[in-house]
Every structure is written in structure tokens, then in C-alpha cells.
Amino acid sequence: MMFSEFLSQGDLLAWPLLALAIFFTVFVGVLIQVFAGWRRPNALTEVTNLPLAGDDVAGSPGAEDLAR
């Protein structure tokens, strides 16, 4: 009985529903991104090789700058 009275009197009950909808949308988006990434093995290889790639960006500190 008290629970139904709380739900009928709640003015701020739309906010938790909005938060749930945003969370669900982001969660489904992440799932789609993960499963779509499995279909593109070249994209996964490029991303995994990023830490091993050389610094080709102008103005970025090289190994000689870090050694000082």
C-alpha cells in the first residue's frame, strides 16, 4: 500500500527512467561496437599496433629528448 502511494506522489520518478534509458543505449552501443569490430580484423590489428608505432608526429618528444 505504501509503495503505490510513493509511486503516485513521486514527481522525480522520470529521472531514474531517463538514466536507465541512457545506460541501456550506451550499453547496446558498446555491444554493437565490440561485435562489429570482430568483423573487421584489420581495424583490430591497427589498434593493437599503435603502442609499437614510431612517433611520426612533428613536435612530439623523441627518445633523445626523454634521455636528457
PDB file of N, CA and C in Angstrom:
ATOM      1  N   MET A   1       0.823  -1.184   0.000  1.00  0.00           N
ATOM      2  CA  MET A   1       0.000   0.000   0.000  1.00  0.00           C
ATOM      3  C   MET A   1       0.874   1.258   0.000  1.00  0.00           C
ATOM      4  N   MET A   2       1.924   1.305   0.824  1.00  0.00           N
ATOM      5  CA  MET A   2       2.769   2.494   0.877  1.00  0.00           C
ATOM      6  C   MET A   2       3.549   2.667  -0.421  1.00  0.00           C
ATOM      7  N   PHE A   3       3.926   1.574  -1.038  1.00  0.00           N
ATOM      8  CA  PHE A   3       4.708   1.671  -2.266  1.00  0.00           C
ATOM      9  C   PHE A   3       3.897   2.309  -3.391  1.00  0.00           C
ATOM     10  N   SER A   4       2.643   1.955  -3.509  1.00  0.00           N
ATOM     11  CA  SER A   4       1.804   2.560  -4.548  1.00  0.00           C
ATOM     12  C   SER A   4       1.557   4.040  -4.271  1.00  0.00           C
ATOM     13  N   GLU A   5       1.456   4.420  -3.007  1.00  0.00           N
ATOM     14  CA  GLU A   5       1.315   5.832  -2.669  1.00  0.00           C
ATOM     15  C   GLU A   5       2.579   6.607  -3.011  1.00  0.00           C
ATOM     16  N   PHE A   6       3.743   5.991  -2.778  1.00  0.00           N
ATOM     17  CA  PHE A   6       5.011   6.644  -3.117  1.00  0.00           C
ATOM     18  C   PHE A   6       5.114   6.862  -4.625  1.00  0.00           C
ATOM     19  N   LEU A   7       4.763   5.853  -5.408  1.00  0.00           N
ATOM     20  CA  LEU A   7       4.848   5.982  -6.855  1.00  0.00           C
ATOM     21  C   LEU A   7       3.851   6.996  -7.413  1.00  0.00           C
ATOM     22  N   SER A   8       2.703   7.121  -6.783  1.00  0.00           N
ATOM     23  CA  SER A   8       1.718   8.075  -7.285  1.00  0.00           C
ATOM     24  C   SER A   8       2.087   9.509  -6.912  1.00  0.00           C
ATOM     25  N   GLN A   9       2.837   9.708  -5.846  1.00  0.00           N
ATOM     26  CA  GLN A   9       3.209  11.046  -5.391  1.00  0.00           C
ATOM     27  C   GLN A   9       4.580  11.501  -5.897  1.00  0.00           C
ATOM     28  N   GLY A  10       5.335  10.634  -6.532  1.00  0.00           N
ATOM     29  CA  GLY A  10       6.703  10.965  -6.932  1.00  0.00           C
ATOM     30  C   GLY A  10       6.757  11.850  -8.155  1.00  0.00           C
ATOM     31  N   ASP A  11       7.316  13.054  -7.987  1.00  0.00           N
ATOM     32  CA  ASP A  11       7.482  13.966  -9.109  1.00  0.00           C
ATOM     33  C   ASP A  11       8.793  13.733  -9.842  1.00  0.00           C
ATOM     34  N   LEU A  12       9.753  13.137  -9.178  1.00  0.00           N
ATOM     35  CA  LEU A  12      11.087  12.971  -9.753  1.00  0.00           C
ATOM     36  C   LEU A  12      11.328  11.557 -10.277  1.00  0.00           C
ATOM     37  N   LEU A  13      10.295  10.800 -10.505  1.00  0.00           N
ATOM     38  CA  LEU A  13      10.478   9.422 -10.949  1.00  0.00           C
ATOM     39  C   LEU A  13      10.871   9.310 -12.414  1.00  0.00           C
ATOM     40  N   ALA A  14      10.798  10.394 -13.159  1.00  0.00           N
ATOM     41  CA  ALA A  14      11.204  10.354 -14.558  1.00  0.00           C
ATOM     42  C   ALA A  14      12.724  10.295 -14.694  1.00  0.00           C
ATOM     43  N   TRP A  15      13.465  10.860 -13.736  1.00  0.00           N
ATOM     44  CA  TRP A  15      14.920  10.894 -13.816  1.00  0.00           C
ATOM     45  C   TRP A  15      15.560   9.502 -13.764  1.00  0.00           C
ATOM     46  N   PRO A  16      15.153   8.616 -12.875  1.00  0.00           N
ATOM     47  CA  PRO A  16      15.732   7.266 -12.918  1.00  0.00           C
ATOM     48  C   PRO A  16      15.401   6.527 -14.214  1.00  0.00           C
ATOM     49  N   LEU A  17      14.224   6.762 -14.756  1.00  0.00           N
ATOM     50  CA  LEU A  17      13.884   6.124 -16.029  1.00  0.00           C
ATOM     51  C   LEU A  17      14.730   6.679 -17.166  1.00  0.00           C
ATOM     52  N   LEU A  18      14.983   7.976 -17.140  1.00  0.00           N
ATOM     53  CA  LEU A  18      15.857   8.576 -18.143  1.00  0.00           C
ATOM     54  C   LEU A  18      17.276   8.031 -18.021  1.00  0.00           C
ATOM     55  N   ALA A  19      17.768   7.898 -16.791  1.00  0.00           N
ATOM     56  CA  ALA A  19      19.110   7.341 -16.576  1.00  0.00           C
ATOM     57  C   ALA A  19      19.193   5.899 -17.060  1.00  0.00           C
ATOM     58  N   LEU A  20      18.143   5.126 -16.822  1.00  0.00           N
ATOM     59  CA  LEU A  20      18.119   3.745 -17.302  1.00  0.00           C
ATOM     60  C   LEU A  20      18.130   3.700 -18.822  1.00  0.00           C
ATOM     61  N   ALA A  21      17.386   4.570 -19.459  1.00  0.00           N
ATOM     62  CA  ALA A  21      17.352   4.602 -20.922  1.00  0.00           C
ATOM     63  C   ALA A  21      18.708   4.994 -21.494  1.00  0.00           C
ATOM     64  N   ILE A  22      19.379   5.969 -20.875  1.00  0.00           N
ATOM     65  CA  ILE A  22      20.709   6.372 -21.348  1.00  0.00           C
ATOM     66  C   ILE A  22      21.706   5.239 -21.150  1.00  0.00           C
ATOM     67  N   PHE A  23      21.674   4.600 -19.994  1.00  0.00           N
ATOM     68  CA  PHE A  23      22.579   3.480 -19.738  1.00  0.00           C
ATOM     69  C   PHE A  23      22.357   2.359 -20.737  1.00  0.00           C
ATOM     70  N   PHE A  24      21.107   2.009 -20.977  1.00  0.00           N
ATOM     71  CA  PHE A  24      20.798   0.917 -21.895  1.00  0.00           C
ATOM     72  C   PHE A  24      21.262   1.261 -23.313  1.00  0.00           C
ATOM     73  N   THR A  25      21.069   2.505 -23.728  1.00  0.00           N
ATOM     74  CA  THR A  25      21.501   2.923 -25.061  1.00  0.00           C
ATOM     75  C   THR A  25      23.013   2.830 -25.210  1.00  0.00           C
ATOM     76  N   VAL A  26      23.746   3.297 -24.205  1.00  0.00           N
ATOM     77  CA  VAL A  26      25.205   3.237 -24.255  1.00  0.00           C
ATOM     78  C   VAL A  26      25.673   1.783 -24.220  1.00  0.00           C
ATOM     79  N   PHE A  27      25.045   0.963 -23.400  1.00  0.00           N
ATOM     80  CA  PHE A  27      25.425  -0.447 -23.305  1.00  0.00           C
ATOM     81  C   PHE A  27      25.228  -1.163 -24.637  1.00  0.00           C
ATOM     82  N   VAL A  28      24.103  -0.936 -25.277  1.00  0.00           N
ATOM     83  CA  VAL A  28      23.844  -1.560 -26.580  1.00  0.00           C
ATOM     84  C   VAL A  28      24.823  -1.019 -27.620  1.00  0.00           C
ATOM     85  N   GLY A  29      25.157   0.266 -27.547  1.00  0.00           N
ATOM     86  CA  GLY A  29      26.136   0.836 -28.470  1.00  0.00           C
ATOM     87  C   GLY A  29      27.505   0.210 -28.322  1.00  0.00           C
ATOM     88  N   VAL A  30      27.920  -0.032 -27.085  1.00  0.00           N
ATOM     89  CA  VAL A  30      29.214  -0.682 -26.847  1.00  0.00           C
ATOM     90  C   VAL A  30      29.188  -2.117 -27.366  1.00  0.00           C
ATOM     91  N   LEU A  31      28.105  -2.824 -27.128  1.00  0.00           N
ATOM     92  CA  LEU A  31      27.996  -4.194 -27.648  1.00  0.00           C
ATOM     93  C   LEU A  31      28.080  -4.224 -29.173  1.00  0.00           C
ATOM     94  N   ILE A  32      27.408  -3.304 -29.817  1.00  0.00           N
ATOM     95  CA  ILE A  32      27.454  -3.241 -31.283  1.00  0.00           C
ATOM     96  C   ILE A  32      28.870  -2.936 -31.744  1.00  0.00           C
ATOM     97  N   GLN A  33      29.551  -2.009 -31.060  1.00  0.00           N
ATOM     98  CA  GLN A  33      30.922  -1.669 -31.433  1.00  0.00           C
ATOM     99  C   GLN A  33      31.845  -2.878 -31.270  1.00  0.00           C
ATOM    100  N   VAL A  34      31.674  -3.629 -30.208  1.00  0.00           N
ATOM    101  CA  VAL A  34      32.528  -4.798 -29.972  1.00  0.00           C
ATOM    102  C   VAL A  34      32.282  -5.866 -31.033  1.00  0.00           C
ATOM    103  N   PHE A  35      31.025  -6.195 -31.270  1.00  0.00           N
ATOM    104  CA  PHE A  35      30.744  -7.256 -32.222  1.00  0.00           C
ATOM    105  C   PHE A  35      30.992  -6.822 -33.663  1.00  0.00           C
ATOM    106  N   ALA A  36      30.851  -5.554 -33.981  1.00  0.00           N
ATOM    107  CA  ALA A  36      31.174  -5.067 -35.321  1.00  0.00           C
ATOM    108  C   ALA A  36      32.684  -5.064 -35.527  1.00  0.00           C
ATOM    109  N   GLY A  37      33.444  -4.880 -34.450  1.00  0.00           N
ATOM    110  CA  GLY A  37      34.900  -4.900 -34.540  1.00  0.00           C
ATOM    111  C   GLY A  37      35.447  -6.279 -34.874  1.00  0.00           C
ATOM    112  N   TRP A  38      34.731  -7.313 -34.502  1.00  0.00           N
ATOM    113  CA  TRP A  38      35.174  -8.663 -34.837  1.00  0.00           C
ATOM    114  C   TRP A  38      35.092  -8.923 -36.326  1.00  0.00           C
ATOM    115  N   ARG A  39      34.253  -8.207 -37.022  1.00  0.00           N
ATOM    116  CA  ARG A  39      34.120  -8.401 -38.473  1.00  0.00           C
ATOM    117  C   ARG A  39      35.209  -7.678 -39.243  1.00  0.00           C
ATOM    118  N   ARG A  40      35.910  -6.769 -38.583  1.00  0.00           N
ATOM    119  CA  ARG A  40      36.973  -6.007 -39.239  1.00  0.00           C
ATOM    120  C   ARG A  40      38.310  -6.318 -38.584  1.00  0.00           C
ATOM    121  N   PRO A  41      38.967  -7.395 -38.948  1.00  0.00           N
ATOM    122  CA  PRO A  41      40.223  -7.752 -38.280  1.00  0.00           C
ATOM    123  C   PRO A  41      41.344  -6.750 -38.558  1.00  0.00           C
ATOM    124  N   ASN A  42      41.306  -6.037 -39.681  1.00  0.00           N
ATOM    125  CA  ASN A  42      42.351  -5.054 -39.970  1.00  0.00           C
ATOM    126  C   ASN A  42      42.297  -3.900 -38.982  1.00  0.00           C
ATOM    127  N   ALA A  43      41.114  -3.477 -38.598  1.00  0.00           N
ATOM    128  CA  ALA A  43      40.982  -2.382 -37.635  1.00  0.00           C
ATOM    129  C   ALA A  43      41.546  -2.804 -36.280  1.00  0.00           C
ATOM    130  N   LEU A  44      41.305  -4.042 -35.889  1.00  0.00           N
ATOM    131  CA  LEU A  44      41.829  -4.530 -34.622  1.00  0.00           C
ATOM    132  C   LEU A  44      43.352  -4.597 -34.656  1.00  0.00           C
ATOM    133  N   THR A  45      43.930  -5.023 -35.758  1.00  0.00           N
ATOM    134  CA  THR A  45      45.384  -5.094 -35.897  1.00  0.00           C
ATOM    135  C   THR A  45      45.999  -3.704 -35.844  1.00  0.00           C
ATOM    136  N   GLU A  46      45.371  -2.735 -36.492  1.00  0.00           N
ATOM    137  CA  GLU A  46      45.894  -1.370 -36.460  1.00  0.00           C
ATOM    138  C   GLU A  46      45.893  -0.807 -35.042  1.00  0.00           C
ATOM    139  N   VAL A  47      44.841  -1.046 -34.319  1.00  0.00           N
ATOM    140  CA  VAL A  47      44.744  -0.514 -32.961  1.00  0.00           C
ATOM    141  C   VAL A  47      45.733  -1.201 -32.033  1.00  0.00           C
ATOM    142  N   THR A  48      45.924  -2.504 -32.179  1.00  0.00           N
ATOM    143  CA  THR A  48      46.863  -3.206 -31.297  1.00  0.00           C
ATOM    144  C   THR A  48      48.301  -2.825 -31.584  1.00  0.00           C
ATOM    145  N   ASN A  49      48.613  -2.363 -32.791  1.00  0.00           N
ATOM    146  CA  ASN A  49      49.980  -1.964 -33.126  1.00  0.00           C
ATOM    147  C   ASN A  49      50.270  -0.507 -32.798  1.00  0.00           C
ATOM    148  N   LEU A  50      49.300   0.256 -32.328  1.00  0.00           N
ATOM    149  CA  LEU A  50      49.523   1.664 -32.030  1.00  0.00           C
ATOM    150  C   LEU A  50      50.623   1.904 -30.995  1.00  0.00           C
ATOM    151  N   PRO A  51      50.694   1.147 -29.897  1.00  0.00           N
ATOM    152  CA  PRO A  51      51.771   1.420 -28.933  1.00  0.00           C
ATOM    153  C   PRO A  51      53.160   1.120 -29.488  1.00  0.00           C
ATOM    154  N   LEU A  52      53.260   0.288 -30.510  1.00  0.00           N
ATOM    155  CA  LEU A  52      54.553  -0.082 -31.073  1.00  0.00           C
ATOM    156  C   LEU A  52      54.957   0.814 -32.228  1.00  0.00           C
ATOM    157  N   ALA A  53      54.060   1.654 -32.707  1.00  0.00           N
ATOM    158  CA  ALA A  53      54.348   2.521 -33.843  1.00  0.00           C
ATOM    159  C   ALA A  53      55.314   3.617 -33.417  1.00  0.00           C
ATOM    160  N   GLY A  54      56.095   4.077 -34.383  1.00  0.00           N
ATOM    161  CA  GLY A  54      57.040   5.154 -34.113  1.00  0.00           C
ATOM    162  C   GLY A  54      56.327   6.487 -33.971  1.00  0.00           C
ATOM    163  N   ASP A  55      57.019   7.449 -33.378  1.00  0.00           N
ATOM    164  CA  ASP A  55      56.459   8.791 -33.238  1.00  0.00           C
ATOM    165  C   ASP A  55      56.760   9.571 -34.509  1.00  0.00           C
ATOM    166  N   ASP A  56      55.777   9.685 -35.372  1.00  0.00           N
ATOM    167  CA  ASP A  56      55.948  10.413 -36.619  1.00  0.00           C
ATOM    168  C   ASP A  56      55.334  11.804 -36.549  1.00  0.00           C
ATOM    169  N   VAL A  57      54.850  12.180 -35.396  1.00  0.00           N
ATOM    170  CA  VAL A  57      54.190  13.464 -35.248  1.00  0.00           C
ATOM    171  C   VAL A  57      55.239  14.538 -35.007  1.00  0.00           C
ATOM    172  N   ALA A  58      55.162  15.636 -35.766  1.00  0.00           N
ATOM    173  CA  ALA A  58      56.117  16.729 -35.607  1.00  0.00           C
ATOM    174  C   ALA A  58      55.900  17.401 -34.254  1.00  0.00           C
ATOM    175  N   GLY A  59      57.006  17.671 -33.574  1.00  0.00           N
ATOM    176  CA  GLY A  59      56.917  18.347 -32.296  1.00  0.00           C
ATOM    177  C   GLY A  59      56.750  17.416 -31.111  1.00  0.00           C
ATOM    178  N   SER A  60      56.601  16.146 -31.352  1.00  0.00           N
ATOM    179  CA  SER A  60      56.471  15.215 -30.231  1.00  0.00           C
ATOM    180  C   SER A  60      57.847  14.864 -29.707  1.00  0.00           C
ATOM    181  N   PRO A  61      57.981  14.662 -28.421  1.00  0.00           N
ATOM    182  CA  PRO A  61      59.304  14.358 -27.861  1.00  0.00           C
ATOM    183  C   PRO A  61      59.794  12.991 -28.315  1.00  0.00           C
ATOM    184  N   GLY A  62      60.998  12.946 -28.770  1.00  0.00           N
ATOM    185  CA  GLY A  62      61.594  11.678 -29.198  1.00  0.00           C
ATOM    186  C   GLY A  62      62.377  11.049 -28.068  1.00  0.00           C
ATOM    187  N   ALA A  63      63.041   9.958 -28.356  1.00  0.00           N
ATOM    188  CA  ALA A  63      63.792   9.239 -27.330  1.00  0.00           C
ATOM    189  C   ALA A  63      64.971  10.076 -26.844  1.00  0.00           C
ATOM    190  N   GLU A  64      65.574  10.889 -27.741  1.00  0.00           N
ATOM    191  CA  GLU A  64      66.721  11.705 -27.325  1.00  0.00           C
ATOM    192  C   GLU A  64      66.291  12.824 -26.373  1.00  0.00           C
ATOM    193  N   ASP A  65      65.064  13.319 -26.519  1.00  0.00           N
ATOM    194  CA  ASP A  65      64.580  14.350 -25.605  1.00  0.00           C
ATOM    195  C   ASP A  65      64.265  13.754 -24.235  1.00  0.00           C
ATOM    196  N   LEU A  66      63.793  12.534 -24.187  1.00  0.00           N
ATOM    197  CA  LEU A  66      63.444  11.897 -22.926  1.00  0.00           C
ATOM    198  C   LEU A  66      64.677  11.445 -22.162  1.00  0.00           C
ATOM    199  N   ALA A  67      65.811  11.218 -22.843  1.00  0.00           N
ATOM    200  CA  ALA A  67      67.012  10.725 -22.200  1.00  0.00           C
ATOM    201  C   ALA A  67      67.713  11.815 -21.407  1.00  0.00           C
ATOM    202  N   ARG A  68      67.453  13.079 -21.706  1.00  0.00           N
ATOM    203  CA  ARG A  68      68.126  14.176 -21.012  1.00  0.00           C
ATOM    204  C   ARG A  68      67.638  14.374 -19.616  1.00  0.00           C
TER     205      ARG A  68
END
